[in-house]
Each structure stands twice: as C-alpha cells, then as structure tokens.
C-alpha cells in the first residue's frame, strides 16, 4: 500500500522488525532470510513451510487431543523463548500463525505485529492506546492498548490458542471484537 510505504515511522518499524526477525535462527520459528526495498516496494523473504496452519485444521472441524496440544505448546514455547530472549514480543500468537510442517514440526510465523523492544529504554514503535492483534487471542492489556507489554501477552495468546485447539471453540465470544 503506497500510503503506508510513505510513512517514515512505519518504514522504520518494518525494517526494525524485519532485522530482528532475520536475526533469530530457531527450529520452531519461520526463518526470515532477507528483507529490503526494490523500486518503492518493501519485502522480506521467508522460509517456505510445507504444511498447514493449525487454523486450517480448525476450519476443517478438526481438534487436537491433549498430548498433541502439549507437543504444540512445547514447541511454540521454545520459539517464543528465543524471540523473547532478543526482546521481541510476537503479540499475535494464534492458530493461523502456528504452522504444522509435514514432518510434524511446529513453526511460529508472522512476526509482522511483533513489538521490538529496546531492552535498555523499553521503547517501541507502537503507539499508546492502539490495540493490535486478533481479538480471540489477544491479552487484556492489548485490548486496552497499554504500553509495556512483555512476554506474558504471548503466553496469554498461546493459552487461548491451545484452548481453541483442544475444544474446537474460542475461549471468549461476543457480538463485536471488543
């Protein structure tokens, strides 16, 4: 979208988050290989995962048994731990962002909403009062648009995701996203 590409703060955020995502090499995170700009179009190149998102399985009406949920949780947790270690909070952990490869490996994808924190100053390029994420899985502090979110917001999203995977329904429903 040309308008977004013309916003210096959004471009700075794109490059900062792409650089952070590319700096992580973990077996349970989709690898970002490259990023940049060509003729005014901004991009990043990611690993191709042969498989489906867990959201696709849910849309098919499939659920996961307890032992499968535990395995998913273990792999997703190690991916999140690697991101958190580098100051990255994903902020959009949900079934559609967890890929199940043909080999059975879970890969966390889409760091596009990630909040990259400056560890020393706790600053980010996210504006206060702005709620970002997928409503069924976002933490209460995200709904309120609070600053200072940390790794706990990702574990809330993972918990909501695991609930959905095991039961086939989201933890909370409502007529509006709020």
Protein backbone atom coordinates (compact mmCIF):
# COMPACT_ATOMS: atom_id res chain seq x y z
CA UNK A 1 0.00 0.00 0.00
CA UNK A 2 1.76 3.16 -1.17
CA UNK A 3 0.37 5.30 1.67
CA UNK A 4 1.91 3.03 4.30
CA UNK A 5 5.25 2.99 2.48
CA UNK A 6 5.29 6.79 2.61
CA UNK A 7 5.11 6.86 6.42
CA UNK A 8 8.64 7.11 7.87
CA UNK A 9 7.63 5.65 11.25
CA UNK A 10 6.01 2.60 9.63
CA UNK A 11 9.02 2.04 7.37
CA UNK A 12 11.33 2.29 10.37
CA UNK A 13 9.15 -0.25 12.17
CA UNK A 14 9.14 -2.58 9.14
CA UNK A 15 12.94 -2.55 8.86
CA UNK A 16 13.47 -2.84 12.59
CA UNK A 17 11.14 -5.82 12.89
CA UNK A 18 12.46 -7.48 9.72
CA UNK A 19 16.02 -7.14 11.02
CA UNK A 20 15.01 -8.59 14.39
CA UNK A 21 13.13 -11.50 12.77
CA UNK A 22 16.09 -12.23 10.49
CA UNK A 23 18.41 -12.31 13.50
CA UNK A 24 16.59 -15.28 15.03
CA UNK A 25 17.54 -18.76 13.94
CA UNK A 26 15.39 -21.31 15.76
CA UNK A 27 13.89 -24.59 14.55
CA UNK A 28 10.40 -23.57 15.66
CA UNK A 29 10.39 -20.10 14.09
CA UNK A 30 9.85 -19.43 10.40
CA UNK A 31 13.22 -18.15 9.24
CA UNK A 32 13.44 -14.72 7.61
CA UNK A 33 16.24 -14.80 5.05
CA UNK A 34 16.28 -11.32 3.61
CA UNK A 35 14.42 -8.01 3.50
CA UNK A 36 14.67 -4.76 1.66
CA UNK A 37 13.19 -2.42 -0.91
CA UNK A 38 13.02 -2.57 -4.70
CA UNK A 39 11.51 0.29 -6.71
CA UNK A 40 9.46 1.50 -3.74
CA UNK A 41 8.15 -1.96 -2.79
CA UNK A 42 9.23 -3.34 0.57
CA UNK A 43 9.64 -7.05 1.16
CA UNK A 44 11.04 -9.82 3.26
CA UNK A 45 11.85 -13.35 2.20
CA UNK A 46 10.80 -16.18 4.50
CA UNK A 47 11.24 -19.92 4.74
CA UNK A 48 8.59 -21.93 2.91
CA UNK A 49 6.78 -24.36 5.20
CA UNK A 50 5.19 -27.32 3.51
CA UNK A 51 2.15 -27.95 5.66
CA UNK A 52 -0.89 -26.19 7.04
CA UNK A 53 -1.55 -23.69 9.79
CA UNK A 54 -3.29 -25.00 12.86
CA UNK A 55 -6.09 -22.60 11.96
CA UNK A 56 -6.65 -24.56 8.75
CA UNK A 57 -7.14 -27.73 10.77
CA UNK A 58 -9.66 -25.94 12.99
CA UNK A 59 -11.58 -24.65 9.96
CA UNK A 60 -11.81 -28.24 8.76
CA UNK A 61 -13.52 -29.07 12.06
CA UNK A 62 -10.52 -30.92 13.47
CA UNK A 63 -9.37 -30.60 17.07
CA UNK A 64 -6.26 -31.84 18.82
CA UNK A 65 -6.02 -34.33 21.68
CA UNK A 66 -4.29 -33.39 24.93
CA UNK A 67 -0.95 -34.99 24.04
CA UNK A 68 -0.89 -33.14 20.70
CA UNK A 69 -1.65 -29.84 22.46
CA UNK A 70 1.20 -30.49 24.90
CA UNK A 71 3.60 -31.11 21.99
CA UNK A 72 2.41 -27.96 20.23
CA UNK A 73 2.81 -25.97 23.44
CA UNK A 74 6.37 -27.21 23.98
CA UNK A 75 7.49 -26.27 20.50
CA UNK A 76 5.68 -22.91 20.48
CA UNK A 77 7.09 -22.09 23.91
CA UNK A 78 10.68 -22.67 22.78
CA UNK A 79 10.06 -20.44 19.74
CA UNK A 80 8.64 -17.70 21.94
CA UNK A 81 11.52 -18.06 24.38
CA UNK A 82 14.01 -17.46 21.55
CA UNK A 83 12.12 -14.35 20.43
CA UNK A 84 11.73 -13.04 23.98
CA UNK A 85 15.43 -13.53 24.63
CA UNK A 86 16.07 -10.99 21.85
CA UNK A 87 13.45 -8.55 23.14
CA UNK A 88 10.76 -9.50 20.61
CA UNK A 89 7.16 -9.88 21.77
CA UNK A 90 5.11 -11.53 19.00
CA UNK A 91 1.68 -10.10 20.06
CA UNK A 92 -0.34 -12.23 17.63
CA UNK A 93 0.04 -15.85 18.70
CA UNK A 94 -2.94 -17.68 17.22
CA UNK A 95 -3.69 -20.91 15.32
CA UNK A 96 -3.14 -19.25 11.94
CA UNK A 97 0.39 -18.24 12.96
CA UNK A 98 1.40 -21.75 14.02
CA UNK A 99 2.33 -23.92 11.06
CA UNK A 100 2.46 -27.71 11.25
CA UNK A 101 5.04 -28.98 8.78
CA UNK A 102 4.67 -32.31 7.03
CA UNK A 103 7.35 -33.66 9.37
CA UNK A 104 5.25 -32.72 12.43
CA UNK A 105 7.28 -29.68 13.46
CA UNK A 106 5.52 -26.55 14.72
CA UNK A 107 6.77 -23.27 13.25
CA UNK A 108 5.69 -19.91 14.65
CA UNK A 109 5.23 -17.41 11.86
CA UNK A 110 4.24 -13.83 11.21
CA UNK A 111 6.29 -11.58 13.39
CA UNK A 112 4.59 -8.74 11.49
CA UNK A 113 2.91 -7.40 14.61
CA UNK A 114 5.93 -8.08 16.77
CA UNK A 115 6.91 -5.42 19.23
CA UNK A 116 10.64 -5.00 19.18
CA UNK A 117 11.73 -3.54 22.48
CA UNK A 118 14.85 -1.60 23.21
CA UNK A 119 15.85 -3.52 26.31
CA UNK A 120 17.55 -0.52 27.94
CA UNK A 121 14.87 2.09 27.32
CA UNK A 122 11.74 -0.08 26.89
CA UNK A 123 10.73 1.96 23.87
CA UNK A 124 8.93 0.61 20.84
CA UNK A 125 7.39 1.94 17.68
CA UNK A 126 3.88 1.05 18.84
CA UNK A 127 1.63 3.94 19.76
CA UNK A 128 -0.04 4.03 23.16
CA UNK A 129 -3.77 3.38 23.04
CA UNK A 130 -3.57 1.25 19.91
CA UNK A 131 -4.97 -2.28 20.17
CA UNK A 132 -3.20 -4.70 17.84
CA UNK A 133 -3.76 -8.43 17.39
CA UNK A 134 -6.50 -10.94 16.67
CA UNK A 135 -9.43 -10.41 19.07
CA UNK A 136 -9.98 -14.04 20.09
CA UNK A 137 -6.39 -14.46 21.24
CA UNK A 138 -5.13 -11.09 22.41
CA UNK A 139 -4.42 -10.36 26.03
CA UNK A 140 -6.43 -7.89 28.10
CA UNK A 141 -3.53 -5.42 28.10
CA UNK A 142 -3.53 -5.48 24.28
CA UNK A 143 -7.27 -4.81 24.21
CA UNK A 144 -6.71 -1.79 26.43
CA UNK A 145 -3.85 -0.59 24.20
CA UNK A 146 -1.41 -0.48 27.11
CA UNK A 147 2.31 0.13 26.77
CA UNK A 148 4.84 -2.07 28.45
CA UNK A 149 3.56 -5.39 27.17
CA UNK A 150 6.01 -8.21 27.66
CA UNK A 151 6.33 -11.95 27.11
CA UNK A 152 3.22 -12.64 29.18
CA UNK A 153 0.99 -11.31 26.39
CA UNK A 154 2.35 -14.05 24.10
CA UNK A 155 1.67 -16.74 26.65
CA UNK A 156 -1.90 -15.49 27.00
CA UNK A 157 -2.29 -15.85 23.22
CA UNK A 158 -0.74 -19.32 23.33
CA UNK A 159 -3.12 -20.35 26.12
CA UNK A 160 -6.13 -19.10 24.17
CA UNK A 161 -4.81 -20.92 21.10
CA UNK A 162 -4.36 -24.19 22.99
CA UNK A 163 -7.89 -23.88 24.37
CA UNK A 164 -9.21 -23.49 20.82
CA UNK A 165 -7.12 -26.40 19.53
CA UNK A 166 -8.33 -28.73 22.27
CA UNK A 167 -12.01 -27.75 22.37
CA UNK A 168 -12.72 -26.53 18.85
CA UNK A 169 -14.05 -23.21 20.15
CA UNK A 170 -12.52 -19.89 21.10
CA UNK A 171 -12.33 -19.07 24.81
CA UNK A 172 -14.48 -15.92 24.56
CA UNK A 173 -17.13 -14.87 22.08
CA UNK A 174 -19.03 -11.64 21.56
CA UNK A 175 -21.00 -9.67 19.02
CA UNK A 176 -18.11 -7.27 18.43
CA UNK A 177 -14.36 -7.67 18.61
CA UNK A 178 -14.27 -5.54 21.78
